[in-house]
Amino acid sequence: MTHPPSDQGDFLLDPATATSIANRGLSLQLGTTTLSEMDAEATALEVQLRLFLGAGVPEDEEKAAEQRREVQALLSSVPGGTDVAVASWTRVRAMARALRRHIEQYTERNSSRGLQLSSDGRDAHLTADGWAGTRGRTTTPVTTGEGAAV
């Protein structure tokens, strides 16, 4: 399923990609990550946060407005001060945590709208007497008489 193009260019709302980006942001270590690496992660997180900002907020308008303010403050903040590395690292981690929350809210809301089974070939199709899948067909044993399987 594809989503219509948004004002974010060619980026699509993809929870798996966004989760990967958030996890990368949270995995950065202070002292072993360069400022350019942190800036690159911050840019990726900003793009994903902007995408999920509208889609991944709670249905409660008050909570949604509070989360929007929090994200807007993160997006508009510029790391500075005496220790830019610590400020950048802290900002990246805060954005990654906010993104994870929005992804979770987005997935919860969309999974409750209609669960669909994967169309992937590994899924077995149930039949009246067993299941059939890519590895063949299996029948459910039928018992007759004294509990013997036929």
Protein backbone atom coordinates (compact mmCIF):
# COMPACT_ATOMS: atom_id res chain seq x y z
CA MET A 1 0.00 0.00 0.00
CA THR A 2 1.37 3.38 -0.88
CA HIS A 3 0.46 6.73 0.54
CA PRO A 4 -0.12 9.82 -1.58
CA PRO A 5 2.87 12.16 -1.92
CA SER A 6 3.22 14.58 0.95
CA ASP A 7 4.89 17.91 1.47
CA GLN A 8 7.93 15.97 2.70
CA GLY A 9 9.07 15.07 -0.81
CA ASP A 10 9.33 11.41 -1.70
CA PHE A 11 9.30 10.17 1.91
CA LEU A 12 6.42 7.89 2.81
CA LEU A 13 4.94 7.07 6.18
CA ASP A 14 6.68 3.79 6.99
CA PRO A 15 6.74 2.63 10.62
CA ALA A 16 9.49 0.05 10.00
CA THR A 17 11.87 2.60 8.47
CA ALA A 18 11.03 5.17 11.13
CA THR A 19 11.61 2.64 13.91
CA SER A 20 15.00 1.79 12.43
CA ILE A 21 15.93 5.47 12.32
CA ALA A 22 14.75 6.00 15.91
CA ASN A 23 16.74 2.97 17.11
CA ARG A 24 19.86 4.26 15.34
CA GLY A 25 19.42 7.62 17.03
CA LEU A 26 19.10 5.99 20.43
CA SER A 27 22.15 3.81 19.82
CA LEU A 28 24.54 6.74 19.30
CA GLN A 29 27.18 6.89 21.99
CA LEU A 30 28.57 10.12 23.34
CA GLY A 31 32.32 10.21 22.80
CA THR A 32 32.38 7.71 19.93
CA THR A 33 29.99 9.48 17.55
CA THR A 34 31.17 12.46 15.54
CA LEU A 35 29.17 15.67 15.26
CA SER A 36 28.63 15.05 11.55
CA GLU A 37 27.15 11.60 12.33
CA MET A 38 24.87 13.17 14.94
CA ASP A 39 23.81 15.86 12.47
CA ALA A 40 22.97 13.21 9.86
CA GLU A 41 20.89 11.26 12.39
CA ALA A 42 19.19 14.47 13.54
CA THR A 43 18.21 15.26 9.94
CA ALA A 44 16.77 11.77 9.40
CA LEU A 45 14.87 12.01 12.69
CA GLU A 46 13.51 15.45 11.78
CA VAL A 47 12.10 14.13 8.50
CA GLN A 48 10.41 11.19 10.22
CA LEU A 49 9.08 13.32 13.08
CA ARG A 50 7.50 15.72 10.59
CA LEU A 51 5.88 12.79 8.78
CA PHE A 52 4.50 11.19 11.93
CA LEU A 53 3.57 14.47 13.62
CA GLY A 54 0.11 14.52 12.06
CA ALA A 55 -0.49 10.78 11.85
CA GLY A 56 0.94 9.58 15.15
CA VAL A 57 -0.81 11.72 17.72
CA PRO A 58 -3.43 10.61 20.22
CA GLU A 59 -7.10 11.12 19.45
CA ASP A 60 -7.45 13.25 22.60
CA GLU A 61 -7.03 16.80 21.27
CA GLU A 62 -5.40 18.13 24.46
CA LYS A 63 -2.76 15.39 24.49
CA ALA A 64 -2.26 15.77 20.74
CA ALA A 65 -1.68 19.53 21.08
CA GLU A 66 0.81 18.94 23.91
CA GLN A 67 2.75 16.41 21.83
CA ARG A 68 2.76 18.74 18.81
CA ARG A 69 4.21 21.54 20.95
CA GLU A 70 6.88 19.18 22.28
CA VAL A 71 7.89 18.05 18.78
CA GLN A 72 7.86 21.60 17.40
CA ALA A 73 10.16 22.68 20.24
CA LEU A 74 12.54 19.82 19.43
CA LEU A 75 12.49 20.60 15.71
CA SER A 76 13.17 24.29 16.26
CA SER A 77 15.90 23.79 18.85
CA VAL A 78 19.50 24.31 17.81
CA PRO A 79 22.24 22.58 19.81
CA GLY A 80 24.62 25.11 21.25
CA GLY A 81 26.28 26.27 24.40
CA THR A 82 29.66 25.28 25.71
CA ASP A 83 29.33 21.60 24.83
CA VAL A 84 27.74 21.19 21.41
CA ALA A 85 28.37 17.44 21.37
CA VAL A 86 26.34 16.82 24.54
CA ALA A 87 23.57 19.17 23.36
CA SER A 88 23.41 17.44 19.94
CA TRP A 89 23.41 13.98 21.51
CA THR A 90 20.65 14.96 23.96
CA ARG A 91 18.54 16.44 21.15
CA VAL A 92 18.95 13.33 18.95
CA ARG A 93 17.91 11.06 21.82
CA ALA A 94 14.88 13.24 22.65
CA MET A 95 13.79 13.24 19.00
CA ALA A 96 14.24 9.46 18.76
CA ARG A 97 12.11 8.90 21.89
CA ALA A 98 9.39 11.24 20.57
CA LEU A 99 9.45 9.46 17.20
CA ARG A 100 9.08 6.05 18.84
CA ARG A 101 6.05 7.32 20.78
CA HIS A 102 4.42 8.68 17.60
CA ILE A 103 5.12 5.43 15.71
CA GLU A 104 3.56 3.41 18.53
CA GLN A 105 0.47 5.62 18.59
CA TYR A 106 0.18 5.49 14.80
CA THR A 107 0.46 1.69 14.70
CA GLU A 108 -1.99 1.20 17.55
CA ARG A 109 -4.57 3.43 15.87
CA ASN A 110 -4.16 1.80 12.46
CA SER A 111 -4.06 -1.78 13.71
CA SER A 112 -7.38 -1.31 15.46
CA ARG A 113 -9.01 -0.08 12.20
CA GLY A 114 -8.77 -3.45 10.52
CA LEU A 115 -6.36 -6.27 10.97
CA GLN A 116 -5.22 -7.90 7.75
CA LEU A 117 -3.24 -11.08 7.41
CA SER A 118 0.01 -10.92 5.53
CA SER A 119 -0.22 -12.00 1.91
CA ASP A 120 3.23 -13.49 2.23
CA GLY A 121 3.59 -17.08 0.98
CA ARG A 122 4.55 -18.41 4.41
CA ASP A 123 1.00 -17.98 5.68
CA ALA A 124 -0.95 -21.20 5.69
CA HIS A 125 -4.51 -21.16 4.42
CA LEU A 126 -6.89 -23.01 6.70
CA THR A 127 -9.10 -25.58 5.07
CA ALA A 128 -11.97 -27.61 6.44
CA ASP A 129 -9.75 -30.58 7.19
CA GLY A 130 -6.32 -29.03 7.89
CA TRP A 131 -4.16 -26.40 6.23
CA ALA A 132 -2.46 -25.81 2.92
CA GLY A 133 0.64 -23.71 2.44
CA THR A 134 3.73 -23.35 0.30
CA ARG A 135 5.19 -26.52 1.81
CA GLY A 136 2.26 -28.71 0.93
CA ARG A 137 -0.97 -29.78 2.51
CA THR A 138 -1.68 -31.32 5.88
CA THR A 139 -4.88 -32.91 7.05
CA THR A 140 -6.15 -32.99 10.56
CA PRO A 141 -6.36 -36.55 11.91
CA VAL A 142 -9.91 -37.77 12.33
CA THR A 143 -10.68 -40.06 15.25
CA THR A 144 -13.15 -42.87 14.91
CA GLY A 145 -14.36 -45.43 17.33
CA GLU A 146 -11.93 -45.93 20.19
CA GLY A 147 -9.85 -42.77 19.65
CA ALA A 148 -7.63 -44.18 16.92
CA ALA A 149 -6.49 -41.65 14.34
CA VAL A 150 -7.37 -42.44 10.76
